[in-house]
Amino acid sequence: MSGVQEVLDTGAVPGTTISIASTDSAVVLTDAALYRGGVASTYEKDKVVAVLISVETADIRIGWGITPNPATPLGHPVKVNSEIMLTCWSQAYKFKHVREGSTSAVLQVTPFFK
């Protein structure tokens, strides 16, 4: 879990881990992963400061502010059993994912809050 200790060292605390499916349509992180209590908020203290994402069951393609497309080289491929650490609000807010092949992936997503 590279990066988790560094996030914890900042005083951040983990929220509830949730499962998100990565299908053939691009998906953003849900409010449950972006906001404390799972409710959208304008307060900085309620926004995520880091997110740990574990890729399970299948490869995915990711992007920030763009819609990744497995039929093109748009986005970045991420292999199954990989971990992604997003380290700020803007990364988490703009993060999108889609399955790479014909099998949907399951992502385990743990947000961290201050």
N, C-alpha and C. Protein backbone atom coordinates (compact mmCIF):
# COMPACT_ATOMS: atom_id res chain seq x y z
N MET A 1 0.82 -1.18 0.00
CA MET A 1 0.00 0.00 0.00
C MET A 1 0.87 1.25 0.00
N SER A 2 1.55 1.43 -1.06
CA SER A 2 2.44 2.57 -1.20
C SER A 2 1.68 3.88 -1.06
N GLY A 3 2.19 4.78 -0.24
CA GLY A 3 1.59 6.08 -0.08
C GLY A 3 0.60 6.19 1.06
N VAL A 4 0.09 5.07 1.57
CA VAL A 4 -0.90 5.12 2.64
C VAL A 4 -0.28 5.71 3.91
N GLN A 5 0.91 5.27 4.26
CA GLN A 5 1.54 5.78 5.48
C GLN A 5 1.79 7.28 5.38
N GLU A 6 2.21 7.74 4.21
CA GLU A 6 2.43 9.17 4.03
C GLU A 6 1.14 9.97 4.22
N VAL A 7 0.03 9.44 3.74
CA VAL A 7 -1.26 10.10 3.91
C VAL A 7 -1.64 10.11 5.38
N LEU A 8 -1.48 8.99 6.07
CA LEU A 8 -1.80 8.91 7.49
C LEU A 8 -0.92 9.84 8.30
N ASP A 9 0.34 10.00 7.89
CA ASP A 9 1.26 10.89 8.60
C ASP A 9 0.81 12.36 8.55
N THR A 10 -0.04 12.71 7.59
CA THR A 10 -0.54 14.09 7.51
C THR A 10 -1.69 14.34 8.47
N GLY A 11 -2.13 13.30 9.16
CA GLY A 11 -3.26 13.42 10.07
C GLY A 11 -4.58 13.02 9.45
N ALA A 12 -4.56 12.55 8.20
CA ALA A 12 -5.79 12.12 7.55
C ALA A 12 -6.27 10.80 8.15
N VAL A 13 -7.59 10.61 8.16
CA VAL A 13 -8.16 9.36 8.67
C VAL A 13 -8.98 8.71 7.55
N PRO A 14 -8.94 7.37 7.48
CA PRO A 14 -9.68 6.69 6.41
C PRO A 14 -11.18 6.73 6.65
N GLY A 15 -11.92 6.85 5.55
CA GLY A 15 -13.37 6.72 5.58
C GLY A 15 -13.73 5.27 5.32
N THR A 16 -14.97 5.02 5.00
CA THR A 16 -15.45 3.67 4.74
C THR A 16 -15.06 3.23 3.33
N THR A 17 -14.50 2.02 3.21
CA THR A 17 -14.16 1.46 1.91
C THR A 17 -15.44 1.05 1.19
N ILE A 18 -15.52 1.41 -0.08
CA ILE A 18 -16.68 1.05 -0.89
C ILE A 18 -16.21 0.33 -2.15
N SER A 19 -17.10 -0.46 -2.75
CA SER A 19 -16.81 -1.13 -4.02
C SER A 19 -17.52 -0.37 -5.13
N ILE A 20 -16.80 -0.16 -6.23
CA ILE A 20 -17.35 0.52 -7.40
C ILE A 20 -17.04 -0.35 -8.61
N ALA A 21 -18.03 -0.56 -9.47
CA ALA A 21 -17.82 -1.32 -10.70
C ALA A 21 -17.26 -0.41 -11.78
N SER A 22 -16.32 -0.94 -12.54
CA SER A 22 -15.80 -0.23 -13.70
C SER A 22 -16.34 -0.95 -14.92
N THR A 23 -17.30 -0.34 -15.61
CA THR A 23 -18.00 -0.99 -16.71
C THR A 23 -17.54 -0.41 -18.05
N ASP A 24 -18.37 -0.59 -19.08
CA ASP A 24 -18.01 -0.09 -20.41
C ASP A 24 -18.33 1.39 -20.59
N SER A 25 -18.93 2.01 -19.59
CA SER A 25 -19.17 3.46 -19.61
C SER A 25 -18.28 4.11 -18.57
N ALA A 26 -17.69 5.25 -18.90
CA ALA A 26 -16.79 5.92 -17.97
C ALA A 26 -17.54 6.31 -16.70
N VAL A 27 -16.90 6.11 -15.56
CA VAL A 27 -17.51 6.34 -14.26
C VAL A 27 -16.62 7.28 -13.45
N VAL A 28 -17.23 8.19 -12.71
CA VAL A 28 -16.49 9.05 -11.78
C VAL A 28 -16.61 8.43 -10.39
N LEU A 29 -15.81 8.89 -9.45
CA LEU A 29 -15.94 8.43 -8.07
C LEU A 29 -17.24 8.96 -7.50
N THR A 30 -17.92 8.17 -6.71
CA THR A 30 -19.21 8.57 -6.14
C THR A 30 -19.02 9.56 -5.00
N ASP A 31 -20.09 10.26 -4.65
CA ASP A 31 -20.03 11.19 -3.52
C ASP A 31 -19.60 10.49 -2.24
N ALA A 32 -19.91 9.20 -2.10
CA ALA A 32 -19.50 8.45 -0.91
C ALA A 32 -17.98 8.43 -0.78
N ALA A 33 -17.28 8.48 -1.91
CA ALA A 33 -15.82 8.47 -1.88
C ALA A 33 -15.23 9.87 -1.85
N LEU A 34 -16.00 10.87 -2.20
CA LEU A 34 -15.47 12.23 -2.32
C LEU A 34 -15.75 13.11 -1.10
N TYR A 35 -16.80 12.78 -0.35
CA TYR A 35 -17.21 13.64 0.76
C TYR A 35 -17.41 12.84 2.04
N ARG A 36 -17.00 13.43 3.15
CA ARG A 36 -17.25 12.82 4.45
C ARG A 36 -18.75 12.68 4.64
N GLY A 37 -19.20 11.52 5.05
CA GLY A 37 -20.62 11.28 5.23
C GLY A 37 -21.36 10.99 3.94
N GLY A 38 -20.66 11.00 2.81
CA GLY A 38 -21.28 10.66 1.53
C GLY A 38 -22.21 11.70 0.96
N VAL A 39 -22.15 12.93 1.48
CA VAL A 39 -23.04 13.99 1.01
C VAL A 39 -22.19 15.14 0.47
N ALA A 40 -22.48 15.60 -0.75
CA ALA A 40 -21.74 16.69 -1.36
C ALA A 40 -21.76 17.91 -0.44
N SER A 41 -20.60 18.55 -0.31
CA SER A 41 -20.47 19.68 0.61
C SER A 41 -19.55 20.73 -0.01
N THR A 42 -19.79 21.98 0.34
CA THR A 42 -18.91 23.05 -0.14
C THR A 42 -17.79 23.32 0.86
N TYR A 43 -17.84 22.69 2.02
CA TYR A 43 -16.82 22.92 3.04
C TYR A 43 -15.57 22.10 2.76
N GLU A 44 -14.42 22.76 2.76
CA GLU A 44 -13.15 22.08 2.49
C GLU A 44 -12.91 20.93 3.45
N LYS A 45 -13.32 21.10 4.72
CA LYS A 45 -13.05 20.05 5.71
C LYS A 45 -13.82 18.77 5.42
N ASP A 46 -14.85 18.82 4.60
CA ASP A 46 -15.64 17.64 4.27
C ASP A 46 -15.16 16.93 3.01
N LYS A 47 -14.19 17.52 2.32
CA LYS A 47 -13.73 16.94 1.06
C LYS A 47 -12.56 15.98 1.29
N VAL A 48 -12.49 14.99 0.45
CA VAL A 48 -11.44 13.99 0.53
C VAL A 48 -10.06 14.64 0.31
N VAL A 49 -9.04 14.15 1.01
CA VAL A 49 -7.67 14.64 0.82
C VAL A 49 -6.80 13.59 0.12
N ALA A 50 -7.26 12.35 0.08
CA ALA A 50 -6.55 11.28 -0.64
C ALA A 50 -7.53 10.13 -0.85
N VAL A 51 -7.25 9.31 -1.86
CA VAL A 51 -8.08 8.13 -2.13
C VAL A 51 -7.16 6.99 -2.54
N LEU A 52 -7.33 5.84 -1.88
CA LEU A 52 -6.64 4.61 -2.27
C LEU A 52 -7.61 3.77 -3.08
N ILE A 53 -7.19 3.37 -4.28
CA ILE A 53 -8.03 2.56 -5.17
C ILE A 53 -7.29 1.27 -5.49
N SER A 54 -7.89 0.13 -5.18
CA SER A 54 -7.34 -1.18 -5.54
C SER A 54 -8.15 -1.73 -6.70
N VAL A 55 -7.46 -2.12 -7.77
CA VAL A 55 -8.12 -2.63 -8.97
C VAL A 55 -8.21 -4.15 -8.87
N GLU A 56 -9.45 -4.66 -8.85
CA GLU A 56 -9.68 -6.09 -8.72
C GLU A 56 -10.42 -6.64 -9.93
N THR A 57 -10.20 -7.85 -10.25
CA THR A 57 -10.92 -8.69 -11.23
C THR A 57 -10.61 -8.42 -12.70
N ALA A 58 -10.24 -7.20 -13.09
CA ALA A 58 -9.96 -6.92 -14.50
C ALA A 58 -9.21 -5.60 -14.65
N ASP A 59 -8.57 -5.42 -15.82
CA ASP A 59 -7.85 -4.19 -16.12
C ASP A 59 -8.83 -3.04 -16.34
N ILE A 60 -8.35 -1.82 -16.09
CA ILE A 60 -9.16 -0.62 -16.34
C ILE A 60 -8.32 0.40 -17.11
N ARG A 61 -8.97 1.45 -17.54
CA ARG A 61 -8.32 2.61 -18.17
C ARG A 61 -8.80 3.83 -17.41
N ILE A 62 -7.88 4.74 -17.07
CA ILE A 62 -8.23 5.90 -16.25
C ILE A 62 -7.88 7.21 -16.95
N GLY A 63 -8.50 8.28 -16.50
CA GLY A 63 -8.20 9.61 -17.00
C GLY A 63 -8.63 10.65 -16.00
N TRP A 64 -8.14 11.88 -16.18
CA TRP A 64 -8.51 13.02 -15.34
C TRP A 64 -9.07 14.10 -16.23
N GLY A 65 -10.34 14.41 -16.05
CA GLY A 65 -10.96 15.48 -16.83
C GLY A 65 -11.27 15.09 -18.26
N ILE A 66 -10.96 13.84 -18.64
CA ILE A 66 -11.29 13.33 -19.97
C ILE A 66 -12.03 12.02 -19.77
N THR A 67 -12.71 11.56 -20.79
CA THR A 67 -13.37 10.28 -20.71
C THR A 67 -12.48 9.22 -21.33
N PRO A 68 -11.91 8.32 -20.52
CA PRO A 68 -11.06 7.26 -21.08
C PRO A 68 -11.87 6.35 -21.98
N ASN A 69 -11.24 5.84 -23.03
CA ASN A 69 -11.93 5.01 -24.00
C ASN A 69 -11.06 3.80 -24.32
N PRO A 70 -11.52 2.57 -23.99
CA PRO A 70 -10.70 1.40 -24.24
C PRO A 70 -10.49 1.10 -25.72
N ALA A 71 -11.31 1.68 -26.60
CA ALA A 71 -11.17 1.45 -28.03
C ALA A 71 -10.09 2.33 -28.64
N THR A 72 -9.56 3.28 -27.88
CA THR A 72 -8.52 4.18 -28.36
C THR A 72 -7.41 4.24 -27.31
N PRO A 73 -6.31 4.91 -27.60
CA PRO A 73 -5.27 5.06 -26.59
C PRO A 73 -5.55 6.19 -25.58
N LEU A 74 -6.78 6.70 -25.56
CA LEU A 74 -7.13 7.80 -24.66
C LEU A 74 -7.24 7.29 -23.22
N GLY A 75 -6.49 7.89 -22.32
CA GLY A 75 -6.46 7.45 -20.93
C GLY A 75 -5.25 6.57 -20.67
N HIS A 76 -5.11 6.13 -19.42
CA HIS A 76 -3.96 5.33 -19.00
C HIS A 76 -4.41 3.94 -18.59
N PRO A 77 -3.81 2.88 -19.15
CA PRO A 77 -4.19 1.53 -18.75
C PRO A 77 -3.64 1.20 -17.36
N VAL A 78 -4.43 0.51 -16.55
CA VAL A 78 -4.02 0.06 -15.23
C VAL A 78 -4.37 -1.42 -15.12
N LYS A 79 -3.40 -2.23 -14.76
CA LYS A 79 -3.57 -3.68 -14.68
C LYS A 79 -4.28 -4.11 -13.40
N VAL A 80 -4.96 -5.25 -13.46
CA VAL A 80 -5.60 -5.85 -12.30
C VAL A 80 -4.56 -6.05 -11.20
N ASN A 81 -4.97 -5.96 -9.95
CA ASN A 81 -4.13 -6.09 -8.75
C ASN A 81 -3.20 -4.90 -8.55
N SER A 82 -3.46 -3.79 -9.24
CA SER A 82 -2.69 -2.56 -9.05
C SER A 82 -3.39 -1.69 -8.02
N GLU A 83 -2.62 -0.78 -7.42
CA GLU A 83 -3.19 0.23 -6.53
C GLU A 83 -2.88 1.61 -7.08
N ILE A 84 -3.84 2.50 -6.91
CA ILE A 84 -3.70 3.90 -7.33
C ILE A 84 -3.91 4.74 -6.09
N MET A 85 -3.01 5.70 -5.84
CA MET A 85 -3.18 6.62 -4.72
C MET A 85 -3.37 8.01 -5.28
N LEU A 86 -4.57 8.55 -5.10
CA LEU A 86 -4.84 9.94 -5.48
C LEU A 86 -4.54 10.78 -4.24
N THR A 87 -3.80 11.86 -4.40
CA THR A 87 -3.28 12.57 -3.22
C THR A 87 -3.82 13.98 -3.03
N CYS A 88 -4.88 14.34 -3.74
CA CYS A 88 -5.49 15.65 -3.51
C CYS A 88 -6.91 15.66 -4.06
N TRP A 89 -7.66 16.68 -3.64
CA TRP A 89 -9.06 16.82 -4.03
C TRP A 89 -9.22 16.86 -5.54
N SER A 90 -8.41 17.66 -6.24
CA SER A 90 -8.61 17.83 -7.69
C SER A 90 -8.37 16.52 -8.45
N GLN A 91 -7.43 15.70 -8.00
CA GLN A 91 -7.22 14.40 -8.64
C GLN A 91 -8.45 13.52 -8.46
N ALA A 92 -8.96 13.46 -7.24
CA ALA A 92 -10.11 12.60 -6.95
C ALA A 92 -11.36 13.08 -7.68
N TYR A 93 -11.57 14.38 -7.72
CA TYR A 93 -12.77 14.96 -8.32
C TYR A 93 -12.82 14.74 -9.83
N LYS A 94 -11.66 14.77 -10.49
CA LYS A 94 -11.61 14.64 -11.95
C LYS A 94 -11.35 13.21 -12.43
N PHE A 95 -11.12 12.28 -11.51
CA PHE A 95 -10.78 10.90 -11.84
C PHE A 95 -11.96 10.18 -12.50
N LYS A 96 -11.70 9.53 -13.65
CA LYS A 96 -12.71 8.71 -14.33
C LYS A 96 -12.08 7.37 -14.68
N HIS A 97 -12.92 6.33 -14.71
CA HIS A 97 -12.40 5.01 -15.05
C HIS A 97 -13.41 4.26 -15.91
N VAL A 98 -12.90 3.32 -16.70
CA VAL A 98 -13.71 2.46 -17.57
C VAL A 98 -12.98 1.12 -17.67
N ARG A 99 -13.73 0.05 -17.88
CA ARG A 99 -13.06 -1.25 -18.03
C ARG A 99 -12.23 -1.25 -19.31
N GLU A 100 -11.15 -2.01 -19.30
CA GLU A 100 -10.26 -2.06 -20.45
C GLU A 100 -10.73 -3.08 -21.49
N GLY A 101 -11.21 -4.22 -21.05
CA GLY A 101 -11.65 -5.26 -21.97
C GLY A 101 -13.15 -5.49 -21.85
N SER A 102 -13.54 -6.75 -22.01
CA SER A 102 -14.96 -7.09 -21.97
C SER A 102 -15.45 -7.44 -20.56
N THR A 103 -14.52 -7.58 -19.60
CA THR A 103 -14.89 -7.92 -18.23
C THR A 103 -14.87 -6.68 -17.35
N SER A 104 -15.96 -6.46 -16.63
CA SER A 104 -16.02 -5.32 -15.72
C SER A 104 -15.09 -5.56 -14.53
N ALA A 105 -14.48 -4.49 -14.08
CA ALA A 105 -13.59 -4.57 -12.92
C ALA A 105 -14.33 -4.11 -11.68
N VAL A 106 -13.86 -4.55 -10.53
CA VAL A 106 -14.34 -4.06 -9.26
C VAL A 106 -13.21 -3.25 -8.64
N LEU A 107 -13.51 -2.03 -8.21
CA LEU A 107 -12.52 -1.19 -7.54
C LEU A 107 -12.89 -1.09 -6.07
N GLN A 108 -11.92 -1.31 -5.19
CA GLN A 108 -12.11 -1.06 -3.77
C GLN A 108 -11.56 0.33 -3.52
N VAL A 109 -12.39 1.23 -3.02
CA VAL A 109 -12.05 2.65 -2.90
C VAL A 109 -12.13 3.07 -1.44
N THR A 110 -11.00 3.56 -0.91
CA THR A 110 -10.97 4.05 0.47
C THR A 110 -10.57 5.53 0.45
N PRO A 111 -11.49 6.41 0.85
CA PRO A 111 -11.18 7.83 0.93
C PRO A 111 -10.51 8.16 2.26
N PHE A 112 -9.74 9.24 2.28
CA PHE A 112 -9.10 9.73 3.51
C PHE A 112 -9.50 11.19 3.68
N PHE A 113 -9.82 11.55 4.92
CA PHE A 113 -10.27 12.91 5.24
C PHE A 113 -9.43 13.49 6.36
N LYS A 114 -9.37 14.80 6.44
CA LYS A 114 -8.70 15.47 7.57
C LYS A 114 -9.74 16.03 8.49
